[in-house]
Amino acid sequence: MDDAASRVTVPSSLQESDEIGVEAEIRNIEMYESFLKEDLPEDVRFVFENLKRASESYLRAFENASQGNVSGTTSVTEQESVALNKVFT
């Protein structure tokens, strides 16, 4: 039985959606930081470090959007872009 709809909360506004995004990215960053404290294979560490950087970028975007700054909500640095391309190629 597909009960996915019962597990989803639809935000009542864009503002609420941005606030949920902020909280989700904070939790993601904390999760990646806890993983990175472990003894990991180098390739796994590389992936978690890059996922953490991506979440930090998304966090900035959600924070900017939640404060009404939607023009240029985030910018990915060249280093982040290169690292993410390595992960996904």
PDB file of N, CA and C in Angstrom:
ATOM      1  N   MET A   1       0.850  -1.172   0.000  1.00  0.00           N
ATOM      2  CA  MET A   1       0.000   0.000   0.000  1.00  0.00           C
ATOM      3  C   MET A   1       0.897   1.238   0.000  1.00  0.00           C
ATOM      4  N   ASP A   2       0.595   2.178  -0.863  1.00  0.00           N
ATOM      5  CA  ASP A   2       1.340   3.434  -0.959  1.00  0.00           C
ATOM      6  C   ASP A   2       0.742   4.436   0.017  1.00  0.00           C
ATOM      7  N   ASP A   3       1.461   4.690   1.113  1.00  0.00           N
ATOM      8  CA  ASP A   3       0.973   5.646   2.111  1.00  0.00           C
ATOM      9  C   ASP A   3       1.858   6.894   2.176  1.00  0.00           C
ATOM     10  N   ALA A   4       2.581   7.160   1.092  1.00  0.00           N
ATOM     11  CA  ALA A   4       3.511   8.291   1.065  1.00  0.00           C
ATOM     12  C   ALA A   4       2.804   9.616   1.352  1.00  0.00           C
ATOM     13  N   ALA A   5       1.616   9.802   0.814  1.00  0.00           N
ATOM     14  CA  ALA A   5       0.900  11.066   1.005  1.00  0.00           C
ATOM     15  C   ALA A   5       0.637  11.352   2.480  1.00  0.00           C
ATOM     16  N   SER A   6       0.467  10.326   3.285  1.00  0.00           N
ATOM     17  CA  SER A   6       0.208  10.540   4.709  1.00  0.00           C
ATOM     18  C   SER A   6       1.469  10.950   5.460  1.00  0.00           C
ATOM     19  N   ARG A   7       2.620  10.829   4.824  1.00  0.00           N
ATOM     20  CA  ARG A   7       3.893  11.154   5.460  1.00  0.00           C
ATOM     21  C   ARG A   7       4.439  12.512   5.019  1.00  0.00           C
ATOM     22  N   VAL A   8       3.713  13.203   4.184  1.00  0.00           N
ATOM     23  CA  VAL A   8       4.171  14.472   3.626  1.00  0.00           C
ATOM     24  C   VAL A   8       3.380  15.616   4.224  1.00  0.00           C
ATOM     25  N   THR A   9       4.092  16.660   4.620  1.00  0.00           N
ATOM     26  CA  THR A   9       3.449  17.882   5.078  1.00  0.00           C
ATOM     27  C   THR A   9       3.705  18.954   4.041  1.00  0.00           C
ATOM     28  N   VAL A  10       2.652  19.515   3.508  1.00  0.00           N
ATOM     29  CA  VAL A  10       2.790  20.553   2.505  1.00  0.00           C
ATOM     30  C   VAL A  10       2.839  21.900   3.221  1.00  0.00           C
ATOM     31  N   PRO A  11       3.914  22.647   3.011  1.00  0.00           N
ATOM     32  CA  PRO A  11       4.013  23.964   3.654  1.00  0.00           C
ATOM     33  C   PRO A  11       2.867  24.869   3.212  1.00  0.00           C
ATOM     34  N   SER A  12       2.458  25.752   4.112  1.00  0.00           N
ATOM     35  CA  SER A  12       1.341  26.639   3.797  1.00  0.00           C
ATOM     36  C   SER A  12       1.772  27.875   3.028  1.00  0.00           C
ATOM     37  N   SER A  13       3.081  28.109   2.936  1.00  0.00           N
ATOM     38  CA  SER A  13       3.574  29.288   2.223  1.00  0.00           C
ATOM     39  C   SER A  13       5.018  29.055   1.788  1.00  0.00           C
ATOM     40  N   LEU A  14       5.500  29.915   0.903  1.00  0.00           N
ATOM     41  CA  LEU A  14       6.906  29.841   0.508  1.00  0.00           C
ATOM     42  C   LEU A  14       7.806  30.127   1.701  1.00  0.00           C
ATOM     43  N   GLN A  15       7.390  31.057   2.549  1.00  0.00           N
ATOM     44  CA  GLN A  15       8.168  31.384   3.746  1.00  0.00           C
ATOM     45  C   GLN A  15       8.337  30.139   4.622  1.00  0.00           C
ATOM     46  N   GLU A  16       7.262  29.421   4.847  1.00  0.00           N
ATOM     47  CA  GLU A  16       7.335  28.197   5.645  1.00  0.00           C
ATOM     48  C   GLU A  16       8.211  27.154   4.959  1.00  0.00           C
ATOM     49  N   SER A  17       8.108  27.074   3.643  1.00  0.00           N
ATOM     50  CA  SER A  17       8.941  26.136   2.887  1.00  0.00           C
ATOM     51  C   SER A  17      10.424  26.464   3.062  1.00  0.00           C
ATOM     52  N   ASP A  18      10.766  27.744   2.993  1.00  0.00           N
ATOM     53  CA  ASP A  18      12.156  28.158   3.182  1.00  0.00           C
ATOM     54  C   ASP A  18      12.640  27.832   4.593  1.00  0.00           C
ATOM     55  N   GLU A  19      11.792  28.043   5.587  1.00  0.00           N
ATOM     56  CA  GLU A  19      12.157  27.744   6.973  1.00  0.00           C
ATOM     57  C   GLU A  19      12.378  26.242   7.169  1.00  0.00           C
ATOM     58  N   ILE A  20      11.544  25.440   6.538  1.00  0.00           N
ATOM     59  CA  ILE A  20      11.716  23.982   6.592  1.00  0.00           C
ATOM     60  C   ILE A  20      13.032  23.606   5.926  1.00  0.00           C
ATOM     61  N   GLY A  21      13.349  24.258   4.810  1.00  0.00           N
ATOM     62  CA  GLY A  21      14.610  24.006   4.116  1.00  0.00           C
ATOM     63  C   GLY A  21      15.809  24.329   4.985  1.00  0.00           C
ATOM     64  N   VAL A  22      15.738  25.435   5.728  1.00  0.00           N
ATOM     65  CA  VAL A  22      16.825  25.814   6.642  1.00  0.00           C
ATOM     66  C   VAL A  22      17.042  24.704   7.667  1.00  0.00           C
ATOM     67  N   GLU A  23      15.972  24.278   8.306  1.00  0.00           N
ATOM     68  CA  GLU A  23      16.085  23.237   9.330  1.00  0.00           C
ATOM     69  C   GLU A  23      16.597  21.924   8.755  1.00  0.00           C
ATOM     70  N   ALA A  24      16.122  21.560   7.577  1.00  0.00           N
ATOM     71  CA  ALA A  24      16.552  20.308   6.951  1.00  0.00           C
ATOM     72  C   ALA A  24      18.043  20.344   6.631  1.00  0.00           C
ATOM     73  N   GLU A  25      18.524  21.462   6.102  1.00  0.00           N
ATOM     74  CA  GLU A  25      19.947  21.549   5.763  1.00  0.00           C
ATOM     75  C   GLU A  25      20.822  21.584   7.012  1.00  0.00           C
ATOM     76  N   ILE A  26      20.361  22.217   8.070  1.00  0.00           N
ATOM     77  CA  ILE A  26      21.114  22.192   9.334  1.00  0.00           C
ATOM     78  C   ILE A  26      21.258  20.757   9.810  1.00  0.00           C
ATOM     79  N   ARG A  27      20.166  19.987   9.758  1.00  0.00           N
ATOM     80  CA  ARG A  27      20.224  18.573  10.168  1.00  0.00           C
ATOM     81  C   ARG A  27      21.124  17.767   9.245  1.00  0.00           C
ATOM     82  N   ASN A  28      21.066  18.048   7.941  1.00  0.00           N
ATOM     83  CA  ASN A  28      21.940  17.338   7.002  1.00  0.00           C
ATOM     84  C   ASN A  28      23.407  17.609   7.306  1.00  0.00           C
ATOM     85  N   ILE A  29      23.754  18.865   7.554  1.00  0.00           N
ATOM     86  CA  ILE A  29      25.138  19.227   7.858  1.00  0.00           C
ATOM     87  C   ILE A  29      25.595  18.518   9.125  1.00  0.00           C
ATOM     88  N   GLU A  30      24.751  18.507  10.150  1.00  0.00           N
ATOM     89  CA  GLU A  30      25.095  17.801  11.386  1.00  0.00           C
ATOM     90  C   GLU A  30      25.311  16.313  11.126  1.00  0.00           C
ATOM     91  N   MET A  31      24.483  15.730  10.281  1.00  0.00           N
ATOM     92  CA  MET A  31      24.616  14.309   9.958  1.00  0.00           C
ATOM     93  C   MET A  31      25.951  14.044   9.259  1.00  0.00           C
ATOM     94  N   TYR A  32      26.273  14.875   8.249  1.00  0.00           N
ATOM     95  CA  TYR A  32      27.542  14.679   7.536  1.00  0.00           C
ATOM     96  C   TYR A  32      28.729  14.875   8.472  1.00  0.00           C
ATOM     97  N   GLU A  33      28.645  15.849   9.372  1.00  0.00           N
ATOM     98  CA  GLU A  33      29.730  16.064  10.324  1.00  0.00           C
ATOM     99  C   GLU A  33      29.920  14.846  11.221  1.00  0.00           C
ATOM    100  N   SER A  34      28.812  14.217  11.627  1.00  0.00           N
ATOM    101  CA  SER A  34      28.943  13.022  12.466  1.00  0.00           C
ATOM    102  C   SER A  34      29.562  11.870  11.677  1.00  0.00           C
ATOM    103  N   PHE A  35      29.182  11.715  10.405  1.00  0.00           N
ATOM    104  CA  PHE A  35      29.789  10.676   9.568  1.00  0.00           C
ATOM    105  C   PHE A  35      31.285  10.917   9.420  1.00  0.00           C
ATOM    106  N   LEU A  36      31.666  12.184   9.231  1.00  0.00           N
ATOM    107  CA  LEU A  36      33.069  12.521   8.976  1.00  0.00           C
ATOM    108  C   LEU A  36      33.962  12.335  10.197  1.00  0.00           C
ATOM    109  N   LYS A  37      33.378  12.131  11.362  1.00  0.00           N
ATOM    110  CA  LYS A  37      34.166  11.837  12.566  1.00  0.00           C
ATOM    111  C   LYS A  37      34.620  10.381  12.590  1.00  0.00           C
ATOM    112  N   GLU A  38      34.024   9.578  11.735  1.00  0.00           N
ATOM    113  CA  GLU A  38      34.323   8.151  11.689  1.00  0.00           C
ATOM    114  C   GLU A  38      35.549   7.884  10.806  1.00  0.00           C
ATOM    115  N   ASP A  39      36.098   6.695  10.972  1.00  0.00           N
ATOM    116  CA  ASP A  39      37.208   6.246  10.127  1.00  0.00           C
ATOM    117  C   ASP A  39      36.596   5.719   8.831  1.00  0.00           C
ATOM    118  N   LEU A  40      36.703   6.512   7.761  1.00  0.00           N
ATOM    119  CA  LEU A  40      36.040   6.187   6.507  1.00  0.00           C
ATOM    120  C   LEU A  40      37.048   5.956   5.390  1.00  0.00           C
ATOM    121  N   PRO A  41      36.677   5.134   4.423  1.00  0.00           N
ATOM    122  CA  PRO A  41      37.511   5.049   3.219  1.00  0.00           C
ATOM    123  C   PRO A  41      37.573   6.432   2.566  1.00  0.00           C
ATOM    124  N   GLU A  42      38.679   6.730   1.914  1.00  0.00           N
ATOM    125  CA  GLU A  42      38.892   8.072   1.367  1.00  0.00           C
ATOM    126  C   GLU A  42      37.805   8.484   0.377  1.00  0.00           C
ATOM    127  N   ASP A  43      37.340   7.541  -0.454  1.00  0.00           N
ATOM    128  CA  ASP A  43      36.303   7.905  -1.424  1.00  0.00           C
ATOM    129  C   ASP A  43      34.976   8.235  -0.745  1.00  0.00           C
ATOM    130  N   VAL A  44      34.659   7.525   0.319  1.00  0.00           N
ATOM    131  CA  VAL A  44      33.431   7.797   1.069  1.00  0.00           C
ATOM    132  C   VAL A  44      33.553   9.149   1.771  1.00  0.00           C
ATOM    133  N   ARG A  45      34.704   9.415   2.363  1.00  0.00           N
ATOM    134  CA  ARG A  45      34.954  10.712   3.001  1.00  0.00           C
ATOM    135  C   ARG A  45      34.785  11.847   1.987  1.00  0.00           C
ATOM    136  N   PHE A  46      35.333  11.643   0.794  1.00  0.00           N
ATOM    137  CA  PHE A  46      35.234  12.643  -0.270  1.00  0.00           C
ATOM    138  C   PHE A  46      33.766  12.958  -0.578  1.00  0.00           C
ATOM    139  N   VAL A  47      32.958  11.933  -0.694  1.00  0.00           N
ATOM    140  CA  VAL A  47      31.538  12.128  -0.996  1.00  0.00           C
ATOM    141  C   VAL A  47      30.852  12.889   0.129  1.00  0.00           C
ATOM    142  N   PHE A  48      31.066  12.483   1.385  1.00  0.00           N
ATOM    143  CA  PHE A  48      30.417  13.172   2.503  1.00  0.00           C
ATOM    144  C   PHE A  48      30.879  14.617   2.628  1.00  0.00           C
ATOM    145  N   GLU A  49      32.152  14.882   2.381  1.00  0.00           N
ATOM    146  CA  GLU A  49      32.643  16.259   2.428  1.00  0.00           C
ATOM    147  C   GLU A  49      31.955  17.111   1.366  1.00  0.00           C
ATOM    148  N   ASN A  50      31.779  16.550   0.194  1.00  0.00           N
ATOM    149  CA  ASN A  50      31.125  17.298  -0.874  1.00  0.00           C
ATOM    150  C   ASN A  50      29.628  17.453  -0.639  1.00  0.00           C
ATOM    151  N   LEU A  51      28.997  16.447  -0.092  1.00  0.00           N
ATOM    152  CA  LEU A  51      27.583  16.580   0.257  1.00  0.00           C
ATOM    153  C   LEU A  51      27.400  17.635   1.343  1.00  0.00           C
ATOM    154  N   LYS A  52      28.315  17.678   2.292  1.00  0.00           N
ATOM    155  CA  LYS A  52      28.250  18.694   3.350  1.00  0.00           C
ATOM    156  C   LYS A  52      28.392  20.089   2.745  1.00  0.00           C
ATOM    157  N   ARG A  53      29.350  20.260   1.836  1.00  0.00           N
ATOM    158  CA  ARG A  53      29.522  21.564   1.181  1.00  0.00           C
ATOM    159  C   ARG A  53      28.265  21.956   0.406  1.00  0.00           C
ATOM    160  N   ALA A  54      27.660  20.994  -0.268  1.00  0.00           N
ATOM    161  CA  ALA A  54      26.426  21.284  -1.007  1.00  0.00           C
ATOM    162  C   ALA A  54      25.324  21.720  -0.049  1.00  0.00           C
ATOM    163  N   SER A  55      25.195  21.024   1.078  1.00  0.00           N
ATOM    164  CA  SER A  55      24.180  21.406   2.066  1.00  0.00           C
ATOM    165  C   SER A  55      24.447  22.788   2.633  1.00  0.00           C
ATOM    166  N   GLU A  56      25.719  23.137   2.820  1.00  0.00           N
ATOM    167  CA  GLU A  56      26.053  24.482   3.304  1.00  0.00           C
ATOM    168  C   GLU A  56      25.622  25.537   2.285  1.00  0.00           C
ATOM    169  N   SER A  57      25.774  25.225   1.011  1.00  0.00           N
ATOM    170  CA  SER A  57      25.339  26.139  -0.043  1.00  0.00           C
ATOM    171  C   SER A  57      23.814  26.251  -0.056  1.00  0.00           C
ATOM    172  N   TYR A  58      23.130  25.116   0.040  1.00  0.00           N
ATOM    173  CA  TYR A  58      21.665  25.128   0.070  1.00  0.00           C
ATOM    174  C   TYR A  58      21.163  25.868   1.305  1.00  0.00           C
ATOM    175  N   LEU A  59      21.859  25.692   2.428  1.00  0.00           N
ATOM    176  CA  LEU A  59      21.470  26.390   3.650  1.00  0.00           C
ATOM    177  C   LEU A  59      21.515  27.901   3.425  1.00  0.00           C
ATOM    178  N   ARG A  60      22.591  28.388   2.802  1.00  0.00           N
ATOM    179  CA  ARG A  60      22.681  29.824   2.511  1.00  0.00           C
ATOM    180  C   ARG A  60      21.512  30.272   1.636  1.00  0.00           C
ATOM    181  N   ALA A  61      21.177  29.449   0.648  1.00  0.00           N
ATOM    182  CA  ALA A  61      20.073  29.792  -0.253  1.00  0.00           C
ATOM    183  C   ALA A  61      18.754  29.871   0.506  1.00  0.00           C
ATOM    184  N   PHE A  62      18.466  28.874   1.339  1.00  0.00           N
ATOM    185  CA  PHE A  62      17.218  28.886   2.101  1.00  0.00           C
ATOM    186  C   PHE A  62      17.190  30.035   3.101  1.00  0.00           C
ATOM    187  N   GLU A  63      18.335  30.322   3.743  1.00  0.00           N
ATOM    188  CA  GLU A  63      18.382  31.445   4.682  1.00  0.00           C
ATOM    189  C   GLU A  63      18.111  32.760   3.957  1.00  0.00           C
ATOM    190  N   ASN A  64      18.745  32.946   2.801  1.00  0.00           N
ATOM    191  CA  ASN A  64      18.511  34.166   2.024  1.00  0.00           C
ATOM    192  C   ASN A  64      17.059  34.276   1.606  1.00  0.00           C
ATOM    193  N   ALA A  65      16.506  33.189   1.098  1.00  0.00           N
ATOM    194  CA  ALA A  65      15.116  33.204   0.650  1.00  0.00           C
ATOM    195  C   ALA A  65      14.162  33.465   1.816  1.00  0.00           C
ATOM    196  N   SER A  66      14.448  32.892   2.981  1.00  0.00           N
ATOM    197  CA  SER A  66      13.553  33.082   4.131  1.00  0.00           C
ATOM    198  C   SER A  66      13.588  34.520   4.637  1.00  0.00           C
ATOM    199  N   GLN A  67      14.664  35.244   4.276  1.00  0.00           N
ATOM    200  CA  GLN A  67      14.780  36.654   4.648  1.00  0.00           C
ATOM    201  C   GLN A  67      14.321  37.572   3.521  1.00  0.00           C
ATOM    202  N   GLY A  68      13.749  36.980   2.467  1.00  0.00           N
ATOM    203  CA  GLY A  68      13.217  37.761   1.365  1.00  0.00           C
ATOM    204  C   GLY A  68      14.228  38.115   0.298  1.00  0.00           C
ATOM    205  N   ASN A  69      15.439  37.625   0.416  1.00  0.00           N
ATOM    206  CA  ASN A  69      16.478  37.901  -0.569  1.00  0.00           C
ATOM    207  C   ASN A  69      16.482  36.781  -1.592  1.00  0.00           C
ATOM    208  N   VAL A  70      15.711  36.948  -2.654  1.00  0.00           N
ATOM    209  CA  VAL A  70      15.617  35.886  -3.647  1.00  0.00           C
ATOM    210  C   VAL A  70      16.456  36.157  -4.881  1.00  0.00           C
ATOM    211  N   SER A  71      17.033  37.322  -4.990  1.00  0.00           N
ATOM    212  CA  SER A  71      17.914  37.564  -6.131  1.00  0.00           C
ATOM    213  C   SER A  71      19.308  37.097  -5.767  1.00  0.00           C
ATOM    214  N   GLY A  72      19.768  36.085  -6.453  1.00  0.00           N
ATOM    215  CA  GLY A  72      21.089  35.544  -6.135  1.00  0.00           C
ATOM    216  C   GLY A  72      21.105  34.861  -4.785  1.00  0.00           C
ATOM    217  N   THR A  73      20.166  33.938  -4.559  1.00  0.00           N
ATOM    218  CA  THR A  73      20.039  33.310  -3.253  1.00  0.00           C
ATOM    219  C   THR A  73      21.244  32.475  -2.869  1.00  0.00           C
ATOM    220  N   THR A  74      21.980  31.994  -3.853  1.00  0.00           N
ATOM    221  CA  THR A  74      23.167  31.223  -3.532  1.00  0.00           C
ATOM    222  C   THR A  74      24.154  31.312  -4.679  1.00  0.00           C
ATOM    223  N   SER A  75      25.353  31.079  -4.364  1.00  0.00           N
ATOM    224  CA  SER A  75      26.356  30.984  -5.415  1.00  0.00           C
ATOM    225  C   SER A  75      27.272  29.827  -5.059  1.00  0.00           C
ATOM    226  N   VAL A  76      27.478  28.988  -6.016  1.00  0.00           N
ATOM    227  CA  VAL A  76      28.367  27.856  -5.818  1.00  0.00           C
ATOM    228  C   VAL A  76      29.754  28.297  -6.253  1.00  0.00           C
ATOM    229  N   THR A  77      30.728  28.117  -5.390  1.00  0.00           N
ATOM    230  CA  THR A  77      32.088  28.497  -5.739  1.00  0.00           C
ATOM    231  C   THR A  77      32.618  27.563  -6.810  1.00  0.00           C
ATOM    232  N   GLU A  78      33.659  27.991  -7.484  1.00  0.00           N
ATOM    233  CA  GLU A  78      34.269  27.142  -8.513  1.00  0.00           C
ATOM    234  C   GLU A  78      34.744  25.826  -7.898  1.00  0.00           C
ATOM    235  N   GLN A  79      35.318  25.904  -6.680  1.00  0.00           N
ATOM    236  CA  GLN A  79      35.797  24.694  -6.005  1.00  0.00           C
ATOM    237  C   GLN A  79      34.635  23.742  -5.723  1.00  0.00           C
ATOM    238  N   GLU A  80      33.500  24.273  -5.272  1.00  0.00           N
ATOM    239  CA  GLU A  80      32.334  23.428  -5.012  1.00  0.00           C
ATOM    240  C   GLU A  80      31.838  22.796  -6.309  1.00  0.00           C
ATOM    241  N   SER A  81      31.821  23.580  -7.380  1.00  0.00           N
ATOM    242  CA  SER A  81      31.362  23.073  -8.662  1.00  0.00           C
ATOM    243  C   SER A  81      32.247  21.936  -9.162  1.00  0.00           C
ATOM    244  N   VAL A  82      33.552  22.103  -9.068  1.00  0.00           N
ATOM    245  CA  VAL A  82      34.486  21.057  -9.490  1.00  0.00           C
ATOM    246  C   VAL A  82      34.285  19.801  -8.651  1.00  0.00           C
ATOM    247  N   ALA A  83      34.174  19.979  -7.323  1.00  0.00           N
ATOM    248  CA  ALA A  83      34.004  18.831  -6.435  1.00  0.00           C
ATOM    249  C   ALA A  83      32.707  18.084  -6.729  1.00  0.00           C
ATOM    250  N   LEU A  84      31.614  18.820  -6.944  1.00  0.00           N
ATOM    251  CA  LEU A  84      30.344  18.171  -7.235  1.00  0.00           C
ATOM    252  C   LEU A  84      30.381  17.454  -8.578  1.00  0.00           C
ATOM    253  N   ASN A  85      31.055  18.031  -9.550  1.00  0.00           N
ATOM    254  CA  ASN A  85      31.183  17.353 -10.845  1.00  0.00           C
ATOM    255  C   ASN A  85      31.937  16.037 -10.689  1.00  0.00           C
ATOM    256  N   LYS A  86      32.930  15.989  -9.804  1.00  0.00           N
ATOM    257  CA  LYS A  86      33.669  14.747  -9.582  1.00  0.00           C
ATOM    258  C   LYS A  86      32.771  13.689  -8.963  1.00  0.00           C
ATOM    259  N   VAL A  87      31.891  14.116  -8.067  1.00  0.00           N
ATOM    260  CA  VAL A  87      30.989  13.180  -7.394  1.00  0.00           C
ATOM    261  C   VAL A  87      30.013  12.574  -8.388  1.00  0.00           C
ATOM    262  N   PHE A  88      29.494  13.396  -9.292  1.00  0.00           N
ATOM    263  CA  PHE A  88      28.414  12.948 -10.163  1.00  0.00           C
ATOM    264  C   PHE A  88      28.863  12.518 -11.549  1.00  0.00           C
ATOM    265  N   THR A  89      30.174  12.411 -11.772  1.00  0.00           N
ATOM    266  CA  THR A  89      30.627  11.939 -13.082  1.00  0.00           C
ATOM    267  C   THR A  89      31.472  10.695 -12.919  1.00  0.00           C
TER     268      THR A  89
END
